[in-house]
C-alpha cells in the first residue's frame, strides 16, 4: 500500500471549499457483492480489503486527516465460525503485509473497541500496530474492532461512576466534554462525515455519541465497488452541505 507521507491539501471545492477532517466508514456489502457474482462471501471480504487500501491511499492524497473504519463489530462474532475465522486471517495478513508500509507513510493507527475478552493473539496484533505507529503524525487510521457503541458508552459511564466513587471527581464535573474524553475515541474530533455503502440506512451501533452532528452519506454501491471516484463524490456532496449544529443558516437570519 502506498500512502503519501505528507498529504497534499486539495484544491478547494469551487462551491464551498469544505473538506471533512474526519471521515468514518461503515463498509457494508462485501457478502452481497460476492453473492451477486456467484462467489463465496469470503471473496467479498478479500476484495473489500483491497478497496480499503485504495480508500486509505486516496484519503491521504486529498487531505482527509482521520479515517475511522467499522472493521468488526461486537455483534459480528455471531456470524458463521468459518467466516469469522477468515476475517481474523485477513486481519493478520493486513498487519503483516500493510503495517510496515503504513508506518513508512507516517500513518498512525488507533484501535477502538472492547479488548478485555479478545484472544491474546489478536490483541497482540492490534497492540503491535498501535505501538509501531504511535509517534507518527500523518493520516490517522482508527480501526473499530470488536466495537459496539452502546458498550463503549456503558464503559465510559462505568469509568466516570468509578471515579466519582473513588473521590477523583465530583458528580457535577461529569460534563459532555468529560464523557467524550472517557469514550474509546477520547482525544479525537467527532466525524464530520459518515459514509455507509450497500444502500442500508442505519448506523448499526457505530459511533452513536460521536455522530450527533455528523453528516451522513448513504451509497448504493457495495463496499468492494466503492472506488476513488465514489469517495470523491461523497466528499463533493459534503462540501455542498451547510452544517448548522442546531443553529440557523446565515441566509435565514
Protein backbone atom coordinates (compact mmCIF):
# COMPACT_ATOMS: atom_id res chain seq x y z
CA UNK A 1 0.00 0.00 0.00
CA UNK A 2 1.36 3.39 -0.95
CA UNK A 3 0.20 6.35 1.13
CA UNK A 4 1.68 9.80 0.80
CA UNK A 5 3.69 10.54 3.98
CA UNK A 6 2.90 14.22 3.61
CA UNK A 7 -0.71 14.52 2.38
CA UNK A 8 -1.22 17.21 -0.20
CA UNK A 9 -4.01 19.61 0.64
CA UNK A 10 -6.65 19.51 -2.09
CA UNK A 11 -7.68 22.38 -4.25
CA UNK A 12 -10.76 23.77 -2.52
CA UNK A 13 -14.14 22.74 -3.83
CA UNK A 14 -15.34 25.51 -6.11
CA UNK A 15 -18.73 25.77 -4.44
CA UNK A 16 -17.80 25.71 -0.76
CA UNK A 17 -14.18 24.73 -0.21
CA UNK A 18 -15.06 22.38 2.66
CA UNK A 19 -13.13 19.20 3.18
CA UNK A 20 -14.02 16.91 6.10
CA UNK A 21 -11.23 16.46 8.61
CA UNK A 22 -12.58 13.14 9.88
CA UNK A 23 -14.43 10.60 7.72
CA UNK A 24 -15.88 7.39 9.14
CA UNK A 25 -16.87 4.36 7.06
CA UNK A 26 -19.40 1.59 7.58
CA UNK A 27 -18.00 -0.78 4.99
CA UNK A 28 -21.11 -2.78 4.14
CA UNK A 29 -21.92 -5.16 1.30
CA UNK A 30 -18.93 -7.48 0.95
CA UNK A 31 -21.10 -10.58 1.18
CA UNK A 32 -23.72 -9.22 -1.20
CA UNK A 33 -21.02 -8.26 -3.69
CA UNK A 34 -19.72 -11.84 -3.68
CA UNK A 35 -23.15 -13.48 -3.79
CA UNK A 36 -24.16 -11.39 -6.79
CA UNK A 37 -21.15 -12.82 -8.63
CA UNK A 38 -21.64 -16.41 -7.54
CA UNK A 39 -18.58 -16.23 -5.30
CA UNK A 40 -18.15 -17.25 -1.66
CA UNK A 41 -18.68 -14.48 0.90
CA UNK A 42 -15.00 -14.72 1.84
CA UNK A 43 -14.06 -13.45 -1.62
CA UNK A 44 -16.14 -10.34 -0.94
CA UNK A 45 -14.18 -9.70 2.25
CA UNK A 46 -10.92 -10.19 0.37
CA UNK A 47 -11.94 -7.68 -2.27
CA UNK A 48 -13.21 -5.34 0.43
CA UNK A 49 -9.72 -5.22 1.90
CA UNK A 50 -8.36 -4.15 -1.47
CA UNK A 51 -10.94 -1.36 -1.54
CA UNK A 52 -9.87 -0.26 1.94
CA UNK A 53 -6.27 0.01 0.79
CA UNK A 54 -7.36 2.22 -2.12
CA UNK A 55 -9.51 4.46 0.08
CA UNK A 56 -6.78 4.96 2.69
CA UNK A 57 -4.36 5.90 -0.06
CA UNK A 58 -6.82 8.33 -1.63
CA UNK A 59 -7.71 9.92 1.71
CA UNK A 60 -4.05 10.78 2.22
CA UNK A 61 -3.89 12.38 -1.22
CA UNK A 62 -6.96 14.61 -0.87
CA UNK A 63 -6.19 15.85 2.64
CA UNK A 64 -8.56 13.95 4.92
CA UNK A 65 -6.76 13.76 8.27
CA UNK A 66 -8.61 10.96 10.08
CA UNK A 67 -10.28 7.81 8.74
CA UNK A 68 -12.34 5.60 11.05
CA UNK A 69 -13.41 2.19 9.77
CA UNK A 70 -16.00 -0.15 11.26
CA UNK A 71 -13.92 -3.23 10.66
CA UNK A 72 -15.52 -5.77 13.01
CA UNK A 73 -18.43 -5.16 15.35
CA UNK A 74 -19.02 -6.89 18.66
CA UNK A 75 -22.07 -8.50 17.01
CA UNK A 76 -20.01 -9.91 14.13
CA UNK A 77 -18.83 -12.76 16.36
CA UNK A 78 -22.31 -14.24 15.79
CA UNK A 79 -21.51 -14.90 12.13
CA UNK A 80 -20.62 -18.44 10.97
CA UNK A 81 -17.38 -19.65 12.54
CA UNK A 82 -15.76 -20.20 9.14
CA UNK A 83 -16.43 -16.59 8.13
CA UNK A 84 -15.15 -15.21 11.45
CA UNK A 85 -12.01 -17.33 11.10
CA UNK A 86 -11.44 -15.98 7.60
CA UNK A 87 -11.87 -12.39 8.79
CA UNK A 88 -9.33 -12.94 11.56
CA UNK A 89 -6.96 -14.31 8.95
CA UNK A 90 -7.49 -11.18 6.85
CA UNK A 91 -6.68 -9.07 9.89
CA UNK A 92 -3.43 -10.93 10.39
CA UNK A 93 -2.48 -10.58 6.72
CA UNK A 94 -3.33 -6.88 6.78
CA UNK A 95 -0.97 -6.33 9.71
CA UNK A 96 1.76 -8.49 8.20
CA UNK A 97 1.50 -7.04 4.68
CA UNK A 98 0.49 -3.41 5.20
CA UNK A 99 1.67 -2.31 8.63
CA UNK A 100 5.25 -1.56 7.62
CA UNK A 101 4.11 0.45 4.58
CA UNK A 102 1.59 2.41 6.64
CA UNK A 103 4.31 3.14 9.16
CA UNK A 104 6.70 4.31 6.47
CA UNK A 105 3.93 6.57 5.15
CA UNK A 106 3.64 8.21 8.60
CA UNK A 107 0.13 6.77 9.21
CA UNK A 108 -0.85 6.47 12.86
CA UNK A 109 -3.11 3.55 13.79
CA UNK A 110 -5.50 3.62 16.73
CA UNK A 111 -7.77 0.76 17.80
CA UNK A 112 -11.15 1.34 19.45
CA UNK A 113 -13.46 -1.31 20.88
CA UNK A 114 -13.52 -3.81 23.71
CA UNK A 115 -10.23 -5.54 24.49
CA UNK A 116 -10.80 -7.42 27.73
CA UNK A 117 -12.27 -10.52 26.06
CA UNK A 118 -10.13 -10.66 22.92
CA UNK A 119 -7.98 -13.64 22.01
CA UNK A 120 -4.41 -12.84 23.13
CA UNK A 121 -3.05 -13.43 19.64
CA UNK A 122 -5.46 -10.96 18.07
CA UNK A 123 -4.90 -8.43 20.85
CA UNK A 124 -1.13 -8.58 20.36
CA UNK A 125 -1.55 -7.85 16.63
CA UNK A 126 -3.66 -4.78 17.36
CA UNK A 127 -1.29 -3.53 20.02
CA UNK A 128 1.67 -4.08 17.68
CA UNK A 129 0.04 -1.85 15.07
CA UNK A 130 -0.65 0.87 17.62
CA UNK A 131 2.77 0.76 19.22
CA UNK A 132 4.74 0.79 15.98
CA UNK A 133 2.88 3.84 14.65
CA UNK A 134 2.27 5.69 17.92
CA UNK A 135 4.63 8.58 17.16
CA UNK A 136 3.55 9.06 13.54
CA UNK A 137 1.97 12.38 12.63
CA UNK A 138 0.29 11.82 9.27
CA UNK A 139 -3.12 10.34 8.44
CA UNK A 140 -4.73 8.73 11.49
CA UNK A 141 -6.41 5.39 10.82
CA UNK A 142 -8.88 4.49 13.57
CA UNK A 143 -9.90 0.84 13.46
CA UNK A 144 -13.12 -0.08 15.27
CA UNK A 145 -12.57 -3.74 16.14
CA UNK A 146 -14.81 -5.75 18.48
CA UNK A 147 -16.64 -2.44 18.67
CA UNK A 148 -20.19 -1.61 19.67
CA UNK A 149 -21.19 1.94 20.51
CA UNK A 150 -23.61 1.04 23.29
CA UNK A 151 -20.90 -1.00 25.02
CA UNK A 152 -18.47 1.90 24.55
CA UNK A 153 -20.94 4.34 26.15
CA UNK A 154 -21.51 1.91 29.02
CA UNK A 155 -17.76 1.59 29.61
CA UNK A 156 -17.44 5.37 29.73
CA UNK A 157 -20.33 5.68 32.21
CA UNK A 158 -18.86 2.99 34.43
CA UNK A 159 -15.45 4.65 34.31
CA UNK A 160 -16.82 8.02 35.36
CA UNK A 161 -19.02 6.45 38.05
CA UNK A 162 -15.96 4.71 39.48
CA UNK A 163 -14.04 7.99 39.54
CA UNK A 164 -16.87 9.65 41.45
CA UNK A 165 -16.98 6.74 43.87
CA UNK A 166 -13.23 6.96 44.39
CA UNK A 167 -13.44 10.70 45.04
CA UNK A 168 -11.36 11.64 41.99
CA UNK A 169 -14.10 13.87 40.56
CA UNK A 170 -17.39 15.32 41.71
CA UNK A 171 -20.71 14.41 40.15
CA UNK A 172 -21.15 17.90 38.68
CA UNK A 173 -17.83 17.52 36.89
CA UNK A 174 -19.33 14.90 34.57
CA UNK A 175 -19.83 17.16 31.57
CA UNK A 176 -20.26 16.37 27.89
CA UNK A 177 -16.55 17.00 27.42
CA UNK A 178 -15.61 14.69 30.30
CA UNK A 179 -17.88 11.99 28.93
CA UNK A 180 -16.47 12.37 25.41
CA UNK A 181 -12.94 12.02 26.74
CA UNK A 182 -13.92 8.79 28.53
CA UNK A 183 -15.08 7.14 25.31
CA UNK A 184 -12.75 4.94 23.24
CA UNK A 185 -12.39 7.91 20.87
CA UNK A 186 -11.27 10.32 23.59
CA UNK A 187 -8.97 12.96 22.12
CA UNK A 188 -10.33 12.56 18.59
CA UNK A 189 -12.66 15.05 16.91
CA UNK A 190 -16.11 13.72 16.09
CA UNK A 191 -16.52 12.52 12.49
CA UNK A 192 -17.55 15.25 10.07
CA UNK A 193 -18.85 12.70 7.56
CA UNK A 194 -20.06 9.12 7.97
CA UNK A 195 -20.29 7.05 4.78
CA UNK A 196 -22.21 3.78 4.58
CA UNK A 197 -22.20 1.61 1.50
CA UNK A 198 -24.64 -1.02 0.17
CA UNK A 199 -27.80 1.07 0.48
CA UNK A 200 -28.51 0.39 4.16
CA UNK A 201 -29.77 3.46 6.04
CA UNK A 202 -28.73 2.96 9.65
CA UNK A 203 -25.75 3.34 11.99
CA UNK A 204 -25.74 -0.25 13.28
CA UNK A 205 -24.37 0.65 16.72
CA UNK A 206 -21.49 2.71 15.32
CA UNK A 207 -20.31 5.98 16.92
CA UNK A 208 -23.74 6.82 18.35
CA UNK A 209 -22.47 9.57 20.66
CA UNK A 210 -19.88 10.92 18.23
CA UNK A 211 -22.33 11.11 15.31
CA UNK A 212 -24.60 13.70 16.94
CA UNK A 213 -23.75 16.36 14.33
CA UNK A 214 -22.09 14.29 11.63
CA UNK A 215 -23.20 14.50 8.04
CA UNK A 216 -24.36 11.19 6.55
CA UNK A 217 -23.79 9.83 3.07
CA UNK A 218 -25.51 6.61 2.03
CA UNK A 219 -24.30 4.92 -1.14
CA UNK A 220 -25.97 2.06 -3.03
CA UNK A 221 -22.61 0.62 -4.08
CA UNK A 222 -21.40 -2.42 -2.18
CA UNK A 223 -18.11 -1.75 -0.42
CA UNK A 224 -15.88 -3.63 -2.91
CA UNK A 225 -17.22 -1.34 -5.66
CA UNK A 226 -16.65 1.87 -3.67
CA UNK A 227 -13.70 3.37 -5.53
CA UNK A 228 -11.86 6.68 -5.50
CA UNK A 229 -14.46 8.30 -7.77
CA UNK A 230 -17.24 7.28 -5.38
CA UNK A 231 -15.24 8.71 -2.47
CA UNK A 232 -14.76 11.97 -4.36
CA UNK A 233 -18.49 12.13 -4.99
CA UNK A 234 -19.18 11.74 -1.27
CA UNK A 235 -16.64 14.45 -0.44
CA UNK A 236 -18.19 16.77 -3.01
CA UNK A 237 -21.63 16.18 -1.52
CA UNK A 238 -20.28 17.03 1.92
CA UNK A 239 -18.70 20.20 0.54
CA UNK A 240 -22.08 21.43 -0.64
CA UNK A 241 -23.82 20.99 2.69
CA UNK A 242 -24.24 23.60 5.42
CA UNK A 243 -23.56 22.41 8.94
CA UNK A 244 -25.59 24.46 11.44
CA UNK A 245 -25.14 22.44 14.66
CA UNK A 246 -28.68 23.30 15.74
CA UNK A 247 -28.44 26.94 14.71
CA UNK A 248 -29.78 28.77 11.69
CA UNK A 249 -28.40 29.16 8.21
CA UNK A 250 -26.81 32.58 7.92
CA UNK A 251 -29.11 33.24 4.94
CA UNK A 252 -32.13 32.79 7.22
CA UNK A 253 -31.02 35.47 9.68
